[in-house]
Amino acid sequence: MVEASVEQQLKDLLERLSAYIEQYHGGSVTFLSFDGKVLKVRLGGACLGCPLLPTTLHGWVEGTVKQFFPQIERVESEA
């Protein structure tokens, strides 16, 4: 079981990151789940169908999340 405070901290970080992504290019990122190693998110808005989705997911989202939560092995996006 994942510690509730870590999950809440991830949600808070993703909310701030989503606000930036939305302002920057109209996309969004939403928390789906976290099992202690893998964070699952949903990218939406302008990210859907965008050829730069992998860059947003791995460069912005995963890169930022790993700075604050180095125990996370990877970030995955679900449709």
C-alpha atoms as a PDB file:
ATOM      1  CA  MET A   1       0.000   0.000   0.000  1.00  0.00           C
ATOM      2  CA  VAL A   2       1.292   3.446  -0.957  1.00  0.00           C
ATOM      3  CA  GLU A   3       1.580   6.006   1.800  1.00  0.00           C
ATOM      4  CA  ALA A   4      -1.360   8.400   1.511  1.00  0.00           C
ATOM      5  CA  SER A   5       0.775  11.503   1.947  1.00  0.00           C
ATOM      6  CA  VAL A   6       3.002  10.558  -1.002  1.00  0.00           C
ATOM      7  CA  GLU A   7      -0.060  10.030  -3.183  1.00  0.00           C
ATOM      8  CA  GLN A   8      -1.473  13.399  -2.126  1.00  0.00           C
ATOM      9  CA  GLN A   9       1.862  15.091  -2.773  1.00  0.00           C
ATOM     10  CA  LEU A  10       1.898  13.564  -6.265  1.00  0.00           C
ATOM     11  CA  LYS A  11      -1.640  14.791  -6.914  1.00  0.00           C
ATOM     12  CA  ASP A  12      -0.697  18.288  -5.754  1.00  0.00           C
ATOM     13  CA  LEU A  13       2.402  18.347  -7.956  1.00  0.00           C
ATOM     14  CA  LEU A  14       0.435  17.125 -10.983  1.00  0.00           C
ATOM     15  CA  GLU A  15      -2.227  19.802 -10.409  1.00  0.00           C
ATOM     16  CA  ARG A  16       0.438  22.515 -10.489  1.00  0.00           C
ATOM     17  CA  LEU A  17       2.119  20.945 -13.501  1.00  0.00           C
ATOM     18  CA  SER A  18      -1.221  20.593 -15.294  1.00  0.00           C
ATOM     19  CA  ALA A  19      -1.971  24.287 -14.757  1.00  0.00           C
ATOM     20  CA  TYR A  20       1.363  25.150 -16.373  1.00  0.00           C
ATOM     21  CA  ILE A  21       0.840  22.735 -19.282  1.00  0.00           C
ATOM     22  CA  GLU A  22      -2.680  24.076 -19.829  1.00  0.00           C
ATOM     23  CA  GLN A  23      -1.459  27.660 -19.859  1.00  0.00           C
ATOM     24  CA  TYR A  24       1.557  26.847 -22.048  1.00  0.00           C
ATOM     25  CA  HIS A  25      -0.146  24.820 -24.774  1.00  0.00           C
ATOM     26  CA  GLY A  26      -3.686  23.823 -23.807  1.00  0.00           C
ATOM     27  CA  GLY A  27      -2.942  20.324 -22.533  1.00  0.00           C
ATOM     28  CA  SER A  28      -3.620  18.741 -19.162  1.00  0.00           C
ATOM     29  CA  VAL A  29      -2.341  15.958 -16.923  1.00  0.00           C
ATOM     30  CA  THR A  30      -4.446  14.045 -14.398  1.00  0.00           C
ATOM     31  CA  PHE A  31      -3.405  11.598 -11.665  1.00  0.00           C
ATOM     32  CA  LEU A  32      -4.785   8.066 -12.142  1.00  0.00           C
ATOM     33  CA  SER A  33      -2.827   5.776  -9.816  1.00  0.00           C
ATOM     34  CA  PHE A  34       0.483   5.131  -8.095  1.00  0.00           C
ATOM     35  CA  ASP A  35       1.715   1.725  -6.940  1.00  0.00           C
ATOM     36  CA  GLY A  36       4.945   2.856  -5.298  1.00  0.00           C
ATOM     37  CA  LYS A  37       7.058   2.556  -8.455  1.00  0.00           C
ATOM     38  CA  VAL A  38       4.868   3.446 -11.442  1.00  0.00           C
ATOM     39  CA  LEU A  39       2.783   6.606 -11.685  1.00  0.00           C
ATOM     40  CA  LYS A  40      -0.121   6.452 -14.129  1.00  0.00           C
ATOM     41  CA  VAL A  41      -1.527   9.676 -15.524  1.00  0.00           C
ATOM     42  CA  ARG A  42      -3.932  10.763 -18.232  1.00  0.00           C
ATOM     43  CA  LEU A  43      -2.902  13.465 -20.672  1.00  0.00           C
ATOM     44  CA  GLY A  44      -5.775  15.438 -22.136  1.00  0.00           C
ATOM     45  CA  GLY A  45      -6.757  18.620 -23.897  1.00  0.00           C
ATOM     46  CA  ALA A  46      -4.400  19.609 -26.686  1.00  0.00           C
ATOM     47  CA  CYS A  47      -2.113  16.679 -25.804  1.00  0.00           C
ATOM     48  CA  LEU A  48      -4.568  14.215 -27.350  1.00  0.00           C
ATOM     49  CA  GLY A  49      -3.347  13.325 -30.816  1.00  0.00           C
ATOM     50  CA  CYS A  50      -0.353  15.635 -30.550  1.00  0.00           C
ATOM     51  CA  PRO A  51       2.894  14.229 -31.991  1.00  0.00           C
ATOM     52  CA  LEU A  52       4.772  15.785 -29.055  1.00  0.00           C
ATOM     53  CA  LEU A  53       2.806  13.816 -26.430  1.00  0.00           C
ATOM     54  CA  PRO A  54       5.833  11.596 -25.637  1.00  0.00           C
ATOM     55  CA  THR A  55       7.940  14.713 -25.069  1.00  0.00           C
ATOM     56  CA  THR A  56       5.347  16.169 -22.716  1.00  0.00           C
ATOM     57  CA  LEU A  57       4.936  12.860 -20.877  1.00  0.00           C
ATOM     58  CA  HIS A  58       8.586  11.926 -20.469  1.00  0.00           C
ATOM     59  CA  GLY A  59      10.280  15.313 -20.652  1.00  0.00           C
ATOM     60  CA  TRP A  60       7.954  17.500 -18.629  1.00  0.00           C
ATOM     61  CA  VAL A  61       5.814  15.206 -16.515  1.00  0.00           C
ATOM     62  CA  GLU A  62       8.200  12.330 -15.785  1.00  0.00           C
ATOM     63  CA  GLY A  63      11.222  14.614 -15.541  1.00  0.00           C
ATOM     64  CA  THR A  64       9.524  16.915 -13.044  1.00  0.00           C
ATOM     65  CA  VAL A  65       8.014  14.095 -10.989  1.00  0.00           C
ATOM     66  CA  LYS A  66      11.355  12.269 -10.694  1.00  0.00           C
ATOM     67  CA  GLN A  67      13.044  15.431  -9.403  1.00  0.00           C
ATOM     68  CA  PHE A  68      10.742  15.376  -6.378  1.00  0.00           C
ATOM     69  CA  PHE A  69      10.090  11.619  -6.130  1.00  0.00           C
ATOM     70  CA  PRO A  70      13.250   9.748  -7.218  1.00  0.00           C
ATOM     71  CA  GLN A  71      11.738   6.430  -6.092  1.00  0.00           C
ATOM     72  CA  ILE A  72       9.370   6.529  -9.081  1.00  0.00           C
ATOM     73  CA  GLU A  73      10.722   4.265 -11.799  1.00  0.00           C
ATOM     74  CA  ARG A  74       8.509   5.504 -14.621  1.00  0.00           C
ATOM     75  CA  VAL A  75       5.446   7.516 -15.553  1.00  0.00           C
ATOM     76  CA  GLU A  76       2.900   5.991 -17.922  1.00  0.00           C
ATOM     77  CA  SER A  77      -0.033   7.569 -19.697  1.00  0.00           C
ATOM     78  CA  GLU A  78      -3.379   5.846 -20.179  1.00  0.00           C
ATOM     79  CA  ALA A  79      -5.857   6.920 -22.830  1.00  0.00           C
END
